[in-house]
Amino acid sequence: MTIDDRIADLEAQLRQAKQQRREERHQPRDEPGGVLYWTIGAAIRTARMAAGISQSDLATRSGLRRTSIVNIEGGNQRLPIATLYDIADVLGVQAVSLLPRNEDV
């Protein structure tokens, strides 16, 4: 086996390992209630972008850290109802507008 063959073999193994990790990765949407929080996060992201507010600014104005906003928008962090209202106030929307319809979750 030449060095080029060995490199190609190692690269193929690396691609296969990466693909396997991606397939095994846990998605928050897969757990109970995951679709709900993912949908709320998407609504928050949409409202934030429409308002022209950065994640950092939303975090500061709602008393959170930017990483929390990132996780909330990605559906990776469950948020208390009080926090939902704080975020809605900063975005200038009604909290209910950030919630999905029952049949959508």
N, C-alpha and C. Protein backbone atom coordinates (compact mmCIF):
# COMPACT_ATOMS: atom_id res chain seq x y z
N MET A 1 0.85 -1.17 0.00
CA MET A 1 0.00 0.00 0.00
C MET A 1 0.90 1.24 0.00
N THR A 2 0.61 2.15 -0.91
CA THR A 2 1.39 3.38 -0.99
C THR A 2 0.90 4.37 0.05
N ILE A 3 1.68 5.39 0.23
CA ILE A 3 1.30 6.43 1.20
C ILE A 3 0.02 7.13 0.76
N ASP A 4 -0.14 7.34 -0.56
CA ASP A 4 -1.36 7.97 -1.07
C ASP A 4 -2.58 7.10 -0.80
N ASP A 5 -2.41 5.78 -0.95
CA ASP A 5 -3.51 4.86 -0.66
C ASP A 5 -3.87 4.91 0.82
N ARG A 6 -2.85 4.95 1.66
CA ARG A 6 -3.07 5.00 3.11
C ARG A 6 -3.79 6.30 3.51
N ILE A 7 -3.38 7.42 2.92
CA ILE A 7 -4.03 8.70 3.19
C ILE A 7 -5.49 8.66 2.76
N ALA A 8 -5.75 8.14 1.58
CA ALA A 8 -7.12 8.04 1.08
C ALA A 8 -7.95 7.15 2.00
N ASP A 9 -7.37 6.07 2.49
CA ASP A 9 -8.07 5.16 3.39
C ASP A 9 -8.41 5.87 4.72
N LEU A 10 -7.45 6.59 5.26
CA LEU A 10 -7.68 7.32 6.51
C LEU A 10 -8.72 8.42 6.35
N GLU A 11 -8.70 9.11 5.21
CA GLU A 11 -9.70 10.14 4.95
C GLU A 11 -11.10 9.54 4.84
N ALA A 12 -11.20 8.36 4.22
CA ALA A 12 -12.49 7.69 4.11
C ALA A 12 -12.98 7.27 5.49
N GLN A 13 -12.09 6.77 6.34
CA GLN A 13 -12.47 6.40 7.70
C GLN A 13 -12.94 7.62 8.49
N LEU A 14 -12.26 8.72 8.32
CA LEU A 14 -12.64 9.96 9.01
C LEU A 14 -14.02 10.43 8.56
N ARG A 15 -14.28 10.41 7.25
CA ARG A 15 -15.60 10.81 6.74
C ARG A 15 -16.69 9.90 7.30
N GLN A 16 -16.41 8.60 7.35
CA GLN A 16 -17.38 7.65 7.87
C GLN A 16 -17.64 7.89 9.36
N ALA A 17 -16.61 8.16 10.13
CA ALA A 17 -16.77 8.43 11.56
C ALA A 17 -17.58 9.71 11.79
N LYS A 18 -17.31 10.75 11.00
CA LYS A 18 -18.06 12.00 11.12
C LYS A 18 -19.53 11.79 10.80
N GLN A 19 -19.81 11.02 9.75
CA GLN A 19 -21.19 10.74 9.36
C GLN A 19 -21.90 9.97 10.46
N GLN A 20 -21.22 9.01 11.05
CA GLN A 20 -21.82 8.22 12.12
C GLN A 20 -22.13 9.09 13.33
N ARG A 21 -21.23 10.02 13.68
CA ARG A 21 -21.48 10.92 14.81
C ARG A 21 -22.68 11.82 14.53
N ARG A 22 -22.81 12.29 13.28
CA ARG A 22 -23.95 13.13 12.93
C ARG A 22 -25.26 12.36 13.08
N GLU A 23 -25.26 11.11 12.66
CA GLU A 23 -26.47 10.30 12.74
C GLU A 23 -26.84 9.97 14.17
N GLU A 24 -25.85 9.84 15.04
CA GLU A 24 -26.09 9.48 16.43
C GLU A 24 -26.39 10.69 17.30
N ARG A 25 -26.11 11.88 16.81
CA ARG A 25 -26.31 13.10 17.60
C ARG A 25 -27.77 13.24 17.99
N HIS A 26 -27.98 13.56 19.23
CA HIS A 26 -29.33 13.73 19.76
C HIS A 26 -29.89 15.08 19.32
N GLN A 27 -31.06 15.06 18.77
CA GLN A 27 -31.72 16.30 18.36
C GLN A 27 -32.77 16.68 19.39
N PRO A 28 -32.77 17.91 19.87
CA PRO A 28 -33.77 18.33 20.86
C PRO A 28 -35.19 18.12 20.38
N ARG A 29 -35.40 18.19 19.06
CA ARG A 29 -36.75 18.01 18.54
C ARG A 29 -37.24 16.58 18.74
N ASP A 30 -36.31 15.64 19.00
CA ASP A 30 -36.68 14.24 19.14
C ASP A 30 -37.23 13.91 20.52
N GLU A 31 -37.00 14.77 21.50
CA GLU A 31 -37.47 14.48 22.86
C GLU A 31 -38.86 15.05 23.07
N PRO A 32 -39.58 14.54 24.08
CA PRO A 32 -40.94 15.06 24.33
C PRO A 32 -40.92 16.58 24.55
N GLY A 33 -41.79 17.27 23.85
CA GLY A 33 -41.86 18.73 23.97
C GLY A 33 -40.82 19.44 23.13
N GLY A 34 -39.94 18.70 22.49
CA GLY A 34 -38.86 19.30 21.71
C GLY A 34 -39.35 20.14 20.55
N VAL A 35 -40.37 19.67 19.86
CA VAL A 35 -40.91 20.42 18.73
C VAL A 35 -41.47 21.76 19.21
N LEU A 36 -42.10 21.75 20.37
CA LEU A 36 -42.66 22.97 20.94
C LEU A 36 -41.57 24.02 21.13
N TYR A 37 -40.48 23.66 21.80
CA TYR A 37 -39.43 24.63 22.09
C TYR A 37 -38.66 25.02 20.83
N TRP A 38 -38.53 24.10 19.90
CA TRP A 38 -37.87 24.42 18.63
C TRP A 38 -38.72 25.44 17.86
N THR A 39 -40.04 25.26 17.86
CA THR A 39 -40.95 26.17 17.16
C THR A 39 -40.97 27.54 17.82
N ILE A 40 -40.99 27.58 19.14
CA ILE A 40 -40.94 28.86 19.86
C ILE A 40 -39.63 29.58 19.56
N GLY A 41 -38.53 28.84 19.57
CA GLY A 41 -37.23 29.44 19.27
C GLY A 41 -37.18 30.04 17.87
N ALA A 42 -37.77 29.32 16.91
CA ALA A 42 -37.80 29.84 15.53
C ALA A 42 -38.63 31.12 15.46
N ALA A 43 -39.74 31.16 16.20
CA ALA A 43 -40.59 32.36 16.22
C ALA A 43 -39.85 33.54 16.85
N ILE A 44 -39.10 33.26 17.91
CA ILE A 44 -38.32 34.32 18.55
C ILE A 44 -37.25 34.85 17.60
N ARG A 45 -36.57 33.94 16.91
CA ARG A 45 -35.54 34.35 15.96
C ARG A 45 -36.14 35.22 14.85
N THR A 46 -37.29 34.80 14.32
CA THR A 46 -37.95 35.56 13.26
C THR A 46 -38.35 36.96 13.74
N ALA A 47 -38.94 37.04 14.92
CA ALA A 47 -39.35 38.34 15.47
C ALA A 47 -38.13 39.22 15.77
N ARG A 48 -37.07 38.60 16.28
CA ARG A 48 -35.85 39.36 16.59
C ARG A 48 -35.24 39.96 15.32
N MET A 49 -35.17 39.16 14.29
CA MET A 49 -34.60 39.64 13.03
C MET A 49 -35.48 40.71 12.40
N ALA A 50 -36.80 40.55 12.50
CA ALA A 50 -37.73 41.55 11.96
C ALA A 50 -37.58 42.87 12.71
N ALA A 51 -37.27 42.78 14.00
CA ALA A 51 -37.10 44.00 14.81
C ALA A 51 -35.70 44.59 14.65
N GLY A 52 -34.83 43.88 13.97
CA GLY A 52 -33.46 44.38 13.77
C GLY A 52 -32.63 44.38 15.03
N ILE A 53 -32.88 43.42 15.90
CA ILE A 53 -32.18 43.33 17.18
C ILE A 53 -31.20 42.16 17.13
N SER A 54 -29.99 42.37 17.60
CA SER A 54 -29.00 41.29 17.64
C SER A 54 -29.29 40.37 18.81
N GLN A 55 -28.71 39.18 18.76
CA GLN A 55 -28.86 38.24 19.88
C GLN A 55 -28.29 38.85 21.16
N SER A 56 -27.16 39.52 21.04
CA SER A 56 -26.53 40.14 22.21
C SER A 56 -27.43 41.21 22.82
N ASP A 57 -28.01 42.03 21.97
CA ASP A 57 -28.89 43.10 22.45
C ASP A 57 -30.14 42.53 23.09
N LEU A 58 -30.72 41.51 22.48
CA LEU A 58 -31.90 40.86 23.06
C LEU A 58 -31.56 40.27 24.41
N ALA A 59 -30.41 39.64 24.51
CA ALA A 59 -29.99 39.05 25.78
C ALA A 59 -29.84 40.11 26.86
N THR A 60 -29.14 41.17 26.55
CA THR A 60 -28.91 42.23 27.52
C THR A 60 -30.23 42.84 27.98
N ARG A 61 -31.09 43.15 27.04
CA ARG A 61 -32.35 43.83 27.36
C ARG A 61 -33.36 42.93 28.06
N SER A 62 -33.20 41.60 27.93
CA SER A 62 -34.13 40.69 28.59
C SER A 62 -33.52 40.04 29.83
N GLY A 63 -32.29 40.44 30.18
CA GLY A 63 -31.66 39.93 31.39
C GLY A 63 -31.07 38.54 31.26
N LEU A 64 -30.74 38.15 30.03
CA LEU A 64 -30.16 36.83 29.78
C LEU A 64 -28.75 36.98 29.22
N ARG A 65 -28.11 35.85 29.00
CA ARG A 65 -26.81 35.85 28.31
C ARG A 65 -27.05 35.51 26.85
N ARG A 66 -26.12 35.94 26.00
CA ARG A 66 -26.27 35.67 24.57
C ARG A 66 -26.35 34.18 24.29
N THR A 67 -25.59 33.38 25.03
CA THR A 67 -25.63 31.93 24.81
C THR A 67 -27.02 31.36 25.10
N SER A 68 -27.72 31.96 26.06
CA SER A 68 -29.09 31.51 26.33
C SER A 68 -30.00 31.81 25.14
N ILE A 69 -29.84 32.99 24.56
CA ILE A 69 -30.65 33.34 23.38
C ILE A 69 -30.34 32.37 22.24
N VAL A 70 -29.07 32.07 22.03
CA VAL A 70 -28.68 31.11 20.98
C VAL A 70 -29.37 29.77 21.23
N ASN A 71 -29.31 29.29 22.47
CA ASN A 71 -29.91 28.00 22.80
C ASN A 71 -31.43 28.02 22.72
N ILE A 72 -32.04 29.12 23.14
CA ILE A 72 -33.50 29.23 23.06
C ILE A 72 -33.93 29.24 21.59
N GLU A 73 -33.26 30.04 20.78
CA GLU A 73 -33.62 30.11 19.36
C GLU A 73 -33.41 28.77 18.65
N GLY A 74 -32.46 28.00 19.12
CA GLY A 74 -32.20 26.69 18.52
C GLY A 74 -33.07 25.58 19.07
N GLY A 75 -33.91 25.91 20.06
CA GLY A 75 -34.77 24.91 20.66
C GLY A 75 -34.06 24.00 21.63
N ASN A 76 -32.84 24.38 22.03
CA ASN A 76 -32.05 23.55 22.92
C ASN A 76 -32.24 23.89 24.38
N GLN A 77 -32.91 24.98 24.68
CA GLN A 77 -33.11 25.41 26.06
C GLN A 77 -34.58 25.72 26.29
N ARG A 78 -35.13 25.09 27.28
CA ARG A 78 -36.53 25.36 27.65
C ARG A 78 -36.56 26.68 28.39
N LEU A 79 -37.58 27.48 28.13
CA LEU A 79 -37.62 28.77 28.78
C LEU A 79 -38.88 28.91 29.63
N PRO A 80 -38.72 29.48 30.82
CA PRO A 80 -39.89 29.72 31.66
C PRO A 80 -40.81 30.74 31.00
N ILE A 81 -42.08 30.66 31.36
CA ILE A 81 -43.07 31.58 30.77
C ILE A 81 -42.71 33.03 31.04
N ALA A 82 -42.19 33.33 32.23
CA ALA A 82 -41.81 34.71 32.55
C ALA A 82 -40.73 35.20 31.59
N THR A 83 -39.81 34.32 31.23
CA THR A 83 -38.75 34.69 30.28
C THR A 83 -39.33 34.92 28.89
N LEU A 84 -40.30 34.10 28.51
CA LEU A 84 -40.97 34.30 27.22
C LEU A 84 -41.60 35.69 27.16
N TYR A 85 -42.24 36.10 28.25
CA TYR A 85 -42.85 37.44 28.29
C TYR A 85 -41.79 38.54 28.26
N ASP A 86 -40.67 38.33 28.94
CA ASP A 86 -39.59 39.32 28.91
C ASP A 86 -39.06 39.49 27.49
N ILE A 87 -38.86 38.37 26.82
CA ILE A 87 -38.35 38.41 25.44
C ILE A 87 -39.38 39.10 24.53
N ALA A 88 -40.65 38.75 24.69
CA ALA A 88 -41.70 39.36 23.87
C ALA A 88 -41.76 40.87 24.07
N ASP A 89 -41.60 41.32 25.32
CA ASP A 89 -41.60 42.76 25.60
C ASP A 89 -40.47 43.47 24.86
N VAL A 90 -39.29 42.89 24.90
CA VAL A 90 -38.14 43.48 24.22
C VAL A 90 -38.38 43.54 22.71
N LEU A 91 -39.00 42.48 22.18
CA LEU A 91 -39.24 42.41 20.73
C LEU A 91 -40.45 43.24 20.30
N GLY A 92 -41.23 43.71 21.27
CA GLY A 92 -42.41 44.51 20.94
C GLY A 92 -43.55 43.70 20.35
N VAL A 93 -43.66 42.44 20.77
CA VAL A 93 -44.74 41.57 20.29
C VAL A 93 -45.47 40.98 21.49
N GLN A 94 -46.65 40.45 21.24
CA GLN A 94 -47.38 39.74 22.27
C GLN A 94 -46.77 38.35 22.43
N ALA A 95 -46.63 37.89 23.66
CA ALA A 95 -46.03 36.57 23.91
C ALA A 95 -46.77 35.47 23.17
N VAL A 96 -48.08 35.59 23.07
CA VAL A 96 -48.87 34.57 22.40
C VAL A 96 -48.49 34.43 20.92
N SER A 97 -47.99 35.50 20.32
CA SER A 97 -47.59 35.43 18.91
C SER A 97 -46.33 34.57 18.70
N LEU A 98 -45.64 34.27 19.79
CA LEU A 98 -44.44 33.44 19.70
C LEU A 98 -44.75 31.96 19.92
N LEU A 99 -45.99 31.67 20.28
CA LEU A 99 -46.39 30.29 20.56
C LEU A 99 -47.04 29.66 19.34
N PRO A 100 -46.76 28.38 19.09
CA PRO A 100 -47.39 27.70 17.95
C PRO A 100 -48.82 27.29 18.28
N ARG A 101 -49.56 26.99 17.25
CA ARG A 101 -50.92 26.47 17.45
C ARG A 101 -50.82 25.04 17.99
N ASN A 102 -51.83 24.60 18.71
CA ASN A 102 -51.83 23.25 19.30
C ASN A 102 -51.56 22.17 18.26
N GLU A 103 -52.18 22.29 17.12
CA GLU A 103 -52.05 21.24 16.10
C GLU A 103 -50.67 21.24 15.42
N ASP A 104 -49.86 22.24 15.67
CA ASP A 104 -48.54 22.31 15.05
C ASP A 104 -47.43 21.66 15.88
N VAL A 105 -47.76 21.24 17.10
CA VAL A 105 -46.74 20.61 17.94
C VAL A 105 -47.14 19.22 18.38
